[in-house]
Amino acid sequence: MKIIVPIKRVPDPEKADKVRISEDGKQLIFDGLDWKPNPFDEYAVETALRLVKDSGADQTANEVIVVSIGPEEATHQVLWCLAMGADRGMLISGDDRELDATVVARAIAKLVKKESPDLILMGKQTVDGDSNQTAQMLAGMLGWPQATFAGRIETPADLSSATVTREVDGGSATVTVKFPALISVDVRIVTPQAVNNNMSPPDELNRDGARFASLPGIMKAKKKPLERLTLEDLGVDTSQRVKTISYSRPAARSGGIILETVEELVQKLKEEARVL
């Protein structure tokens, strides 16, 4: 089974308050911030590794390929995912300012024609752009079945399909997709029993969360294949549908007030907030 996992490097989410806006408001400044794999993309890598775990005696028949579109520095995030256990990496050179969800989807679609994977696993969204569009666009371009926001995945032993469960208002929804297919994952996919390939021992629990890259894994990652491509190599149409005009911080919120009675609160809600 061949699985492609697109990943994106993002500024350290724990230091989002350190992101600055340039004086002209045209771009964001990330000086001094560390770059990390997008958390939801890490969950997708973890999901792929769990799906192919213990899948038959010939493990060479399975391959997890990590793909990133970005500058040369994004190789660090690809290598991190290789150290987690992915088999092969690809870096498609690109500038974040010249990419939108449509361009990224087109690029991955071209790569799919080149690699012919059985499954694409993606994070549901990136924590910087938060657009939640790429997976759905890509599935539409490929004409593949899709399941989004997966919190649980179960496959038969032959890895020919997947039954995907996601949370919805008031409960959960379950769909089954035949491969080739595209699945985007949510945070619950990395809970211990969220992925079942019907090959690993039923009493064997995974750890909670995505695995860390161990020191031996990091050493092995340096020897794994890492192919470099360009958007031109793949023949990608780089015209954007969405362009960012400017950035600005939200307006400062006014201070709160203390009301003495319920009647005062109701009056404010009616006459000022106009919500009653």
C-alpha atoms as a PDB file:
ATOM      1  CA  MET A   1       0.000   0.000   0.000  1.00  0.00           C
ATOM      2  CA  LYS A   2       1.308   3.443  -0.910  1.00  0.00           C
ATOM      3  CA  ILE A   3       0.228   6.438   1.160  1.00  0.00           C
ATOM      4  CA  ILE A   4       1.047  10.076   0.411  1.00  0.00           C
ATOM      5  CA  VAL A   5       0.976  12.513   3.337  1.00  0.00           C
ATOM      6  CA  PRO A   6       1.257  16.221   2.421  1.00  0.00           C
ATOM      7  CA  ILE A   7       2.752  18.316   5.221  1.00  0.00           C
ATOM      8  CA  LYS A   8       3.406  22.016   5.736  1.00  0.00           C
ATOM      9  CA  ARG A   9       5.913  23.802   7.934  1.00  0.00           C
ATOM     10  CA  VAL A  10       4.336  26.380  10.243  1.00  0.00           C
ATOM     11  CA  PRO A  11       5.684  28.786  12.875  1.00  0.00           C
ATOM     12  CA  ASP A  12       5.694  27.259  16.337  1.00  0.00           C
ATOM     13  CA  PRO A  13       1.970  27.322  17.304  1.00  0.00           C
ATOM     14  CA  GLU A  14       2.868  27.849  20.955  1.00  0.00           C
ATOM     15  CA  LYS A  15       4.463  31.188  20.090  1.00  0.00           C
ATOM     16  CA  ALA A  16       1.774  32.573  17.799  1.00  0.00           C
ATOM     17  CA  ASP A  17       1.731  35.775  19.819  1.00  0.00           C
ATOM     18  CA  LYS A  18       5.287  36.496  18.613  1.00  0.00           C
ATOM     19  CA  VAL A  19       4.220  36.839  14.959  1.00  0.00           C
ATOM     20  CA  ARG A  20       4.503  40.459  13.798  1.00  0.00           C
ATOM     21  CA  ILE A  21       3.046  42.425  10.894  1.00  0.00           C
ATOM     22  CA  SER A  22       5.326  44.432   8.633  1.00  0.00           C
ATOM     23  CA  GLU A  23       4.971  48.219   8.699  1.00  0.00           C
ATOM     24  CA  ASP A  24       3.278  48.270   5.294  1.00  0.00           C
ATOM     25  CA  GLY A  25       0.875  45.514   6.379  1.00  0.00           C
ATOM     26  CA  LYS A  26       1.783  43.363   3.370  1.00  0.00           C
ATOM     27  CA  GLN A  27       3.372  40.404   5.101  1.00  0.00           C
ATOM     28  CA  LEU A  28       3.871  38.573   8.371  1.00  0.00           C
ATOM     29  CA  ILE A  29       7.254  38.492  10.093  1.00  0.00           C
ATOM     30  CA  PHE A  30       8.358  35.288  11.791  1.00  0.00           C
ATOM     31  CA  ASP A  31      11.835  36.360  12.897  1.00  0.00           C
ATOM     32  CA  GLY A  32      13.108  34.371  15.855  1.00  0.00           C
ATOM     33  CA  LEU A  33      10.397  31.703  15.626  1.00  0.00           C
ATOM     34  CA  ASP A  34      11.038  28.006  15.212  1.00  0.00           C
ATOM     35  CA  TRP A  35       9.345  26.152  12.361  1.00  0.00           C
ATOM     36  CA  LYS A  36       7.559  22.888  12.973  1.00  0.00           C
ATOM     37  CA  PRO A  37       5.404  20.431  11.028  1.00  0.00           C
ATOM     38  CA  ASN A  38       1.757  21.474  11.102  1.00  0.00           C
ATOM     39  CA  PRO A  39       0.281  19.497  14.032  1.00  0.00           C
ATOM     40  CA  PHE A  40      -2.632  18.055  12.039  1.00  0.00           C
ATOM     41  CA  ASP A  41      -0.154  16.925   9.366  1.00  0.00           C
ATOM     42  CA  GLU A  42       1.870  15.131  12.047  1.00  0.00           C
ATOM     43  CA  TYR A  43      -1.337  13.357  13.035  1.00  0.00           C
ATOM     44  CA  ALA A  44      -1.764  12.282   9.401  1.00  0.00           C
ATOM     45  CA  VAL A  45       1.787  10.854   9.355  1.00  0.00           C
ATOM     46  CA  GLU A  46       1.068   8.984  12.588  1.00  0.00           C
ATOM     47  CA  THR A  47      -2.162   7.635  11.089  1.00  0.00           C
ATOM     48  CA  ALA A  48      -0.360   6.383   7.987  1.00  0.00           C
ATOM     49  CA  LEU A  49       2.260   4.598  10.079  1.00  0.00           C
ATOM     50  CA  ARG A  50      -0.426   2.934  12.201  1.00  0.00           C
ATOM     51  CA  LEU A  51      -2.351   1.791   9.129  1.00  0.00           C
ATOM     52  CA  VAL A  52       0.609  -0.075   7.606  1.00  0.00           C
ATOM     53  CA  LYS A  53       1.845  -1.446  10.938  1.00  0.00           C
ATOM     54  CA  ASP A  54       2.094  -5.256  10.986  1.00  0.00           C
ATOM     55  CA  SER A  55       0.500  -5.405   7.530  1.00  0.00           C
ATOM     56  CA  GLY A  56       1.889  -8.698   6.350  1.00  0.00           C
ATOM     57  CA  ALA A  57       5.345 -10.246   6.206  1.00  0.00           C
ATOM     58  CA  ASP A  58       6.518  -8.177   3.240  1.00  0.00           C
ATOM     59  CA  GLN A  59       6.679  -4.686   4.715  1.00  0.00           C
ATOM     60  CA  THR A  60       8.444  -3.452   1.557  1.00  0.00           C
ATOM     61  CA  ALA A  61       5.046  -3.566  -0.145  1.00  0.00           C
ATOM     62  CA  ASN A  62       4.019  -0.600   2.010  1.00  0.00           C
ATOM     63  CA  GLU A  63       5.316   2.914   1.588  1.00  0.00           C
ATOM     64  CA  VAL A  64       4.561   6.175   3.374  1.00  0.00           C
ATOM     65  CA  ILE A  65       5.662   9.226   1.377  1.00  0.00           C
ATOM     66  CA  VAL A  66       5.827  12.665   3.000  1.00  0.00           C
ATOM     67  CA  VAL A  67       5.496  15.664   0.661  1.00  0.00           C
ATOM     68  CA  SER A  68       5.981  19.337   1.449  1.00  0.00           C
ATOM     69  CA  ILE A  69       5.736  22.472  -0.694  1.00  0.00           C
ATOM     70  CA  GLY A  70       7.974  25.260   0.517  1.00  0.00           C
ATOM     71  CA  PRO A  71      11.502  26.659   0.666  1.00  0.00           C
ATOM     72  CA  GLU A  72      14.637  24.549   1.069  1.00  0.00           C
ATOM     73  CA  GLU A  73      14.410  24.990   4.838  1.00  0.00           C
ATOM     74  CA  ALA A  74      11.246  22.869   4.811  1.00  0.00           C
ATOM     75  CA  THR A  75      13.495  19.819   4.398  1.00  0.00           C
ATOM     76  CA  HIS A  76      13.906  19.919   8.197  1.00  0.00           C
ATOM     77  CA  GLN A  77      10.200  19.207   8.669  1.00  0.00           C
ATOM     78  CA  VAL A  78      10.282  16.475   6.004  1.00  0.00           C
ATOM     79  CA  LEU A  79      13.259  14.859   7.746  1.00  0.00           C
ATOM     80  CA  TRP A  80      11.380  15.017  11.047  1.00  0.00           C
ATOM     81  CA  CYS A  81       8.527  13.007   9.532  1.00  0.00           C
ATOM     82  CA  LEU A  82      11.009  10.562   8.000  1.00  0.00           C
ATOM     83  CA  ALA A  83      12.485  10.156  11.486  1.00  0.00           C
ATOM     84  CA  MET A  84       8.993   9.341  12.759  1.00  0.00           C
ATOM     85  CA  GLY A  85       9.020   6.372  10.384  1.00  0.00           C
ATOM     86  CA  ALA A  86       7.940   7.545   6.912  1.00  0.00           C
ATOM     87  CA  ASP A  87       9.840   5.858   4.076  1.00  0.00           C
ATOM     88  CA  ARG A  88      10.451   8.579   1.520  1.00  0.00           C
ATOM     89  CA  GLY A  89      10.309  12.346   1.318  1.00  0.00           C
ATOM     90  CA  MET A  90       9.661  14.935  -1.372  1.00  0.00           C
ATOM     91  CA  LEU A  91      10.155  18.696  -1.356  1.00  0.00           C
ATOM     92  CA  ILE A  92       8.439  20.796  -4.015  1.00  0.00           C
ATOM     93  CA  SER A  93      10.080  24.209  -3.974  1.00  0.00           C
ATOM     94  CA  GLY A  94       7.661  27.076  -3.466  1.00  0.00           C
ATOM     95  CA  ASP A  95       7.121  30.388  -1.707  1.00  0.00           C
ATOM     96  CA  ASP A  96       4.258  30.546   0.798  1.00  0.00           C
ATOM     97  CA  ARG A  97       3.307  33.987  -0.495  1.00  0.00           C
ATOM     98  CA  GLU A  98       2.723  32.504  -3.957  1.00  0.00           C
ATOM     99  CA  LEU A  99       0.666  29.547  -2.765  1.00  0.00           C
ATOM    100  CA  ASP A 100      -2.988  29.208  -1.923  1.00  0.00           C
ATOM    101  CA  ALA A 101      -5.110  26.106  -1.342  1.00  0.00           C
ATOM    102  CA  THR A 102      -5.818  25.785  -5.067  1.00  0.00           C
ATOM    103  CA  VAL A 103      -2.151  25.836  -6.106  1.00  0.00           C
ATOM    104  CA  VAL A 104      -1.259  23.322  -3.398  1.00  0.00           C
ATOM    105  CA  ALA A 105      -4.104  21.017  -4.458  1.00  0.00           C
ATOM    106  CA  ARG A 106      -3.019  21.232  -8.105  1.00  0.00           C
ATOM    107  CA  ALA A 107       0.554  20.350  -7.139  1.00  0.00           C
ATOM    108  CA  ILE A 108      -0.460  17.302  -5.111  1.00  0.00           C
ATOM    109  CA  ALA A 109      -2.829  16.215  -7.887  1.00  0.00           C
ATOM    110  CA  LYS A 110       0.075  16.237 -10.350  1.00  0.00           C
ATOM    111  CA  LEU A 111       2.169  14.261  -7.900  1.00  0.00           C
ATOM    112  CA  VAL A 112      -0.608  11.702  -7.525  1.00  0.00           C
ATOM    113  CA  LYS A 113      -0.497  11.045 -11.275  1.00  0.00           C
ATOM    114  CA  LYS A 114       3.242  10.492 -10.951  1.00  0.00           C
ATOM    115  CA  GLU A 115       3.137   8.234  -7.875  1.00  0.00           C
ATOM    116  CA  SER A 116      -0.280   6.481  -8.134  1.00  0.00           C
ATOM    117  CA  PRO A 117      -0.882   6.138  -4.376  1.00  0.00           C
ATOM    118  CA  ASP A 118      -3.688   4.119  -2.813  1.00  0.00           C
ATOM    119  CA  LEU A 119      -4.459   6.731  -0.169  1.00  0.00           C
ATOM    120  CA  ILE A 120      -3.811  10.378   0.616  1.00  0.00           C
ATOM    121  CA  LEU A 121      -3.867  11.276   4.304  1.00  0.00           C
ATOM    122  CA  MET A 122      -3.911  14.958   5.235  1.00  0.00           C
ATOM    123  CA  GLY A 123      -4.374  17.147   8.255  1.00  0.00           C
ATOM    124  CA  LYS A 124      -7.812  18.755   8.226  1.00  0.00           C
ATOM    125  CA  GLN A 125      -6.225  22.231   8.108  1.00  0.00           C
ATOM    126  CA  THR A 126      -3.052  24.165   8.845  1.00  0.00           C
ATOM    127  CA  VAL A 127      -2.805  26.150  12.044  1.00  0.00           C
ATOM    128  CA  ASP A 128      -1.524  29.260  10.267  1.00  0.00           C
ATOM    129  CA  GLY A 129      -3.911  29.646   7.325  1.00  0.00           C
ATOM    130  CA  ASP A 130      -6.824  27.690   8.879  1.00  0.00           C
ATOM    131  CA  SER A 131      -8.568  27.599   5.500  1.00  0.00           C
ATOM    132  CA  ASN A 132      -9.646  23.926   5.605  1.00  0.00           C
ATOM    133  CA  GLN A 133      -9.901  23.810   1.801  1.00  0.00           C
ATOM    134  CA  THR A 134      -6.990  21.869   0.324  1.00  0.00           C
ATOM    135  CA  ALA A 135      -8.186  18.337   1.058  1.00  0.00           C
ATOM    136  CA  GLN A 136     -11.656  18.923  -0.366  1.00  0.00           C
ATOM    137  CA  MET A 137     -10.287  20.681  -3.468  1.00  0.00           C
ATOM    138  CA  LEU A 138      -7.780  17.902  -4.080  1.00  0.00           C
ATOM    139  CA  ALA A 139     -10.407  15.153  -3.822  1.00  0.00           C
ATOM    140  CA  GLY A 140     -12.556  17.061  -6.325  1.00  0.00           C
ATOM    141  CA  MET A 141      -9.656  17.454  -8.768  1.00  0.00           C
ATOM    142  CA  LEU A 142      -8.840  13.751  -8.555  1.00  0.00           C
ATOM    143  CA  GLY A 143     -12.453  12.587  -8.597  1.00  0.00           C
ATOM    144  CA  TRP A 144     -11.709  10.439  -5.537  1.00  0.00           C
ATOM    145  CA  PRO A 145     -14.017   9.608  -2.644  1.00  0.00           C
ATOM    146  CA  GLN A 146     -13.179  11.602   0.471  1.00  0.00           C
ATOM    147  CA  ALA A 147     -13.790  11.526   4.204  1.00  0.00           C
ATOM    148  CA  THR A 148     -12.983  14.620   6.222  1.00  0.00           C
ATOM    149  CA  PHE A 149     -12.228  15.351   9.898  1.00  0.00           C
ATOM    150  CA  ALA A 150     -11.584  11.669  10.617  1.00  0.00           C
ATOM    151  CA  GLY A 151     -11.466  10.807  14.314  1.00  0.00           C
ATOM    152  CA  ARG A 152     -11.374   7.040  13.769  1.00  0.00           C
ATOM    153  CA  ILE A 153     -10.308   4.850  10.838  1.00  0.00           C
ATOM    154  CA  GLU A 154     -10.756   1.117  10.423  1.00  0.00           C
ATOM    155  CA  THR A 155      -9.556  -0.864   7.401  1.00  0.00           C
ATOM    156  CA  PRO A 156      -9.949  -4.504   6.389  1.00  0.00           C
ATOM    157  CA  ALA A 157      -6.809  -6.615   6.431  1.00  0.00           C
ATOM    158  CA  ASP A 158      -6.361  -6.209   2.664  1.00  0.00           C
ATOM    159  CA  LEU A 159      -6.272  -2.394   2.999  1.00  0.00           C
ATOM    160  CA  SER A 160      -8.772  -1.973   0.176  1.00  0.00           C
ATOM    161  CA  SER A 161     -11.095   0.507   1.889  1.00  0.00           C
ATOM    162  CA  ALA A 162     -11.584   2.474   5.078  1.00  0.00           C
ATOM    163  CA  THR A 163     -14.500   3.056   7.414  1.00  0.00           C
ATOM    164  CA  VAL A 164     -14.163   6.565   8.791  1.00  0.00           C
ATOM    165  CA  THR A 165     -15.933   8.062  11.792  1.00  0.00           C
ATOM    166  CA  ARG A 166     -16.104  11.785  12.514  1.00  0.00           C
ATOM    167  CA  GLU A 167     -17.803  13.847  15.163  1.00  0.00           C
ATOM    168  CA  VAL A 168     -20.871  15.854  14.163  1.00  0.00           C
ATOM    169  CA  ASP A 169     -23.381  17.909  16.109  1.00  0.00           C
ATOM    170  CA  GLY A 170     -25.185  15.543  18.408  1.00  0.00           C
ATOM    171  CA  GLY A 171     -23.069  12.450  17.797  1.00  0.00           C
ATOM    172  CA  SER A 172     -20.941  10.907  15.053  1.00  0.00           C
ATOM    173  CA  ALA A 173     -21.158  10.044  11.356  1.00  0.00           C
ATOM    174  CA  THR A 174     -19.582   7.031   9.667  1.00  0.00           C
ATOM    175  CA  VAL A 175     -18.770   6.587   5.988  1.00  0.00           C
ATOM    176  CA  THR A 176     -16.882   3.926   4.037  1.00  0.00           C
ATOM    177  CA  VAL A 177     -14.605   4.867   1.148  1.00  0.00           C
ATOM    178  CA  LYS A 178     -12.922   2.521  -1.299  1.00  0.00           C
ATOM    179  CA  PHE A 179      -9.305   3.153  -2.218  1.00  0.00           C
ATOM    180  CA  PRO A 180      -7.916   5.156  -3.882  1.00  0.00           C
ATOM    181  CA  ALA A 181      -9.349   7.790  -1.581  1.00  0.00           C
ATOM    182  CA  LEU A 182      -8.500  10.908   0.387  1.00  0.00           C
ATOM    183  CA  ILE A 183      -8.947  11.236   4.140  1.00  0.00           C
ATOM    184  CA  SER A 184      -8.289  14.312   6.270  1.00  0.00           C
ATOM    185  CA  VAL A 185      -7.784  13.773   9.989  1.00  0.00           C
ATOM    186  CA  ASP A 186      -8.682  15.551  13.211  1.00  0.00           C
ATOM    187  CA  VAL A 187      -6.882  15.461  16.564  1.00  0.00           C
ATOM    188  CA  ARG A 188      -8.843  12.441  17.871  1.00  0.00           C
ATOM    189  CA  ILE A 189      -7.200  10.214  15.255  1.00  0.00           C
ATOM    190  CA  VAL A 190      -4.122   9.890  17.499  1.00  0.00           C
ATOM    191  CA  THR A 191      -5.925   8.494  20.518  1.00  0.00           C
ATOM    192  CA  PRO A 192      -4.772   4.937  21.356  1.00  0.00           C
ATOM    193  CA  GLN A 193      -7.556   2.959  19.635  1.00  0.00           C
ATOM    194  CA  ALA A 194      -8.471   5.374  16.845  1.00  0.00           C
ATOM    195  CA  VAL A 195      -6.758   3.440  14.025  1.00  0.00           C
ATOM    196  CA  ASN A 196      -7.474  -0.249  13.461  1.00  0.00           C
ATOM    197  CA  ASN A 197      -5.964  -2.039  10.468  1.00  0.00           C
ATOM    198  CA  ASN A 198      -7.264  -5.449  11.583  1.00  0.00           C
ATOM    199  CA  MET A 199      -3.724  -6.815  11.472  1.00  0.00           C
ATOM    200  CA  SER A 200      -2.092  -5.488  14.607  1.00  0.00           C
ATOM    201  CA  PRO A 201      -2.917  -7.469  17.794  1.00  0.00           C
ATOM    202  CA  PRO A 202      -6.262  -6.221  19.156  1.00  0.00           C
ATOM    203  CA  ASP A 203      -4.836  -5.832  22.677  1.00  0.00           C
ATOM    204  CA  GLU A 204      -1.900  -3.732  21.483  1.00  0.00           C
ATOM    205  CA  LEU A 205      -2.545  -0.070  22.222  1.00  0.00           C
ATOM    206  CA  ASN A 206      -0.835   2.828  20.520  1.00  0.00           C
ATOM    207  CA  ARG A 207       0.468   5.726  22.569  1.00  0.00           C
ATOM    208  CA  ASP A 208      -1.725   8.796  22.900  1.00  0.00           C
ATOM    209  CA  GLY A 209      -0.629  11.415  20.360  1.00  0.00           C
ATOM    210  CA  ALA A 210       1.801  11.395  17.464  1.00  0.00           C
ATOM    211  CA  ARG A 211       5.114   9.628  18.032  1.00  0.00           C
ATOM    212  CA  PHE A 212       8.320  11.550  18.601  1.00  0.00           C
ATOM    213  CA  ALA A 213      11.303  11.292  16.292  1.00  0.00           C
ATOM    214  CA  SER A 214      13.829   9.189  18.206  1.00  0.00           C
ATOM    215  CA  LEU A 215      17.594   9.653  17.898  1.00  0.00           C
ATOM    216  CA  PRO A 216      17.956   6.384  15.922  1.00  0.00           C
ATOM    217  CA  GLY A 217      15.066   7.527  13.743  1.00  0.00           C
ATOM    218  CA  ILE A 218      16.777  10.855  13.081  1.00  0.00           C
ATOM    219  CA  MET A 219      19.977   9.062  12.054  1.00  0.00           C
ATOM    220  CA  LYS A 220      18.049   6.754   9.718  1.00  0.00           C
ATOM    221  CA  ALA A 221      16.126   9.682   8.219  1.00  0.00           C
ATOM    222  CA  LYS A 222      19.346  11.159   6.837  1.00  0.00           C
ATOM    223  CA  LYS A 223      19.780   8.063   4.661  1.00  0.00           C
ATOM    224  CA  LYS A 224      16.219   7.901   3.373  1.00  0.00           C
ATOM    225  CA  PRO A 225      15.385   9.190  -0.145  1.00  0.00           C
ATOM    226  CA  LEU A 226      14.439  12.862  -0.349  1.00  0.00           C
ATOM    227  CA  GLU A 227      13.500  13.990  -3.848  1.00  0.00           C
ATOM    228  CA  ARG A 228      13.441  17.660  -4.816  1.00  0.00           C
ATOM    229  CA  LEU A 229      11.019  18.933  -7.448  1.00  0.00           C
ATOM    230  CA  THR A 230       9.663  22.264  -8.635  1.00  0.00           C
ATOM    231  CA  LEU A 231       6.154  23.321  -9.544  1.00  0.00           C
ATOM    232  CA  GLU A 232       7.443  23.710 -13.107  1.00  0.00           C
ATOM    233  CA  ASP A 233       8.694  20.095 -13.108  1.00  0.00           C
ATOM    234  CA  LEU A 234       5.157  18.956 -12.353  1.00  0.00           C
ATOM    235  CA  GLY A 235       3.536  21.349 -14.822  1.00  0.00           C
ATOM    236  CA  VAL A 236       1.452  23.056 -12.122  1.00  0.00           C
ATOM    237  CA  ASP A 237      -0.734  26.044 -12.945  1.00  0.00           C
ATOM    238  CA  THR A 238       0.479  28.554 -10.324  1.00  0.00           C
ATOM    239  CA  SER A 239      -2.291  31.137 -10.760  1.00  0.00           C
ATOM    240  CA  GLN A 240      -3.873  31.888  -7.388  1.00  0.00           C
ATOM    241  CA  ARG A 241      -7.566  32.218  -6.685  1.00  0.00           C
ATOM    242  CA  VAL A 242      -6.974  33.892  -3.335  1.00  0.00           C
ATOM    243  CA  LYS A 243      -4.489  36.668  -2.675  1.00  0.00           C
ATOM    244  CA  THR A 244      -3.877  38.361   0.646  1.00  0.00           C
ATOM    245  CA  ILE A 245      -4.101  42.130   0.287  1.00  0.00           C
ATOM    246  CA  SER A 246      -2.987  43.112   3.765  1.00  0.00           C
ATOM    247  CA  TYR A 247      -2.779  42.033   7.384  1.00  0.00           C
ATOM    248  CA  SER A 248      -4.069  43.918  10.416  1.00  0.00           C
ATOM    249  CA  ARG A 249      -4.621  43.155  14.049  1.00  0.00           C
ATOM    250  CA  PRO A 250      -8.186  42.957  15.358  1.00  0.00           C
ATOM    251  CA  ALA A 251      -9.517  46.102  16.967  1.00  0.00           C
ATOM    252  CA  ALA A 252      -8.879  46.379  20.667  1.00  0.00           C
ATOM    253  CA  ARG A 253     -11.860  45.365  22.738  1.00  0.00           C
ATOM    254  CA  SER A 254     -13.424  47.950  25.001  1.00  0.00           C
ATOM    255  CA  GLY A 255     -13.395  47.320  28.716  1.00  0.00           C
ATOM    256  CA  GLY A 256     -16.275  45.573  30.405  1.00  0.00           C
ATOM    257  CA  ILE A 257     -18.727  47.129  32.794  1.00  0.00           C
ATOM    258  CA  ILE A 258     -20.265  45.934  36.030  1.00  0.00           C
ATOM    259  CA  LEU A 259     -24.065  45.977  36.295  1.00  0.00           C
ATOM    260  CA  GLU A 260     -25.859  46.003  39.584  1.00  0.00           C
ATOM    261  CA  THR A 261     -29.132  44.304  38.634  1.00  0.00           C
ATOM    262  CA  VAL A 262     -30.589  41.823  36.165  1.00  0.00           C
ATOM    263  CA  GLU A 263     -32.883  44.571  34.909  1.00  0.00           C
ATOM    264  CA  GLU A 264     -29.882  46.671  33.883  1.00  0.00           C
ATOM    265  CA  LEU A 265     -28.407  43.684  32.033  1.00  0.00           C
ATOM    266  CA  VAL A 266     -31.645  43.061  30.123  1.00  0.00           C
ATOM    267  CA  GLN A 267     -31.838  46.750  29.194  1.00  0.00           C
ATOM    268  CA  LYS A 268     -28.268  46.748  27.859  1.00  0.00           C
ATOM    269  CA  LEU A 269     -28.894  43.590  25.851  1.00  0.00           C
ATOM    270  CA  LYS A 270     -32.024  45.102  24.304  1.00  0.00           C
ATOM    271  CA  GLU A 271     -30.954  48.672  23.649  1.00  0.00           C
ATOM    272  CA  GLU A 272     -27.182  48.445  23.051  1.00  0.00           C
ATOM    273  CA  ALA A 273     -26.301  44.895  22.083  1.00  0.00           C
ATOM    274  CA  ARG A 274     -29.703  44.418  20.391  1.00  0.00           C
ATOM    275  CA  VAL A 275     -29.646  40.678  20.946  1.00  0.00           C
ATOM    276  CA  LEU A 276     -33.002  40.446  22.683  1.00  0.00           C
END
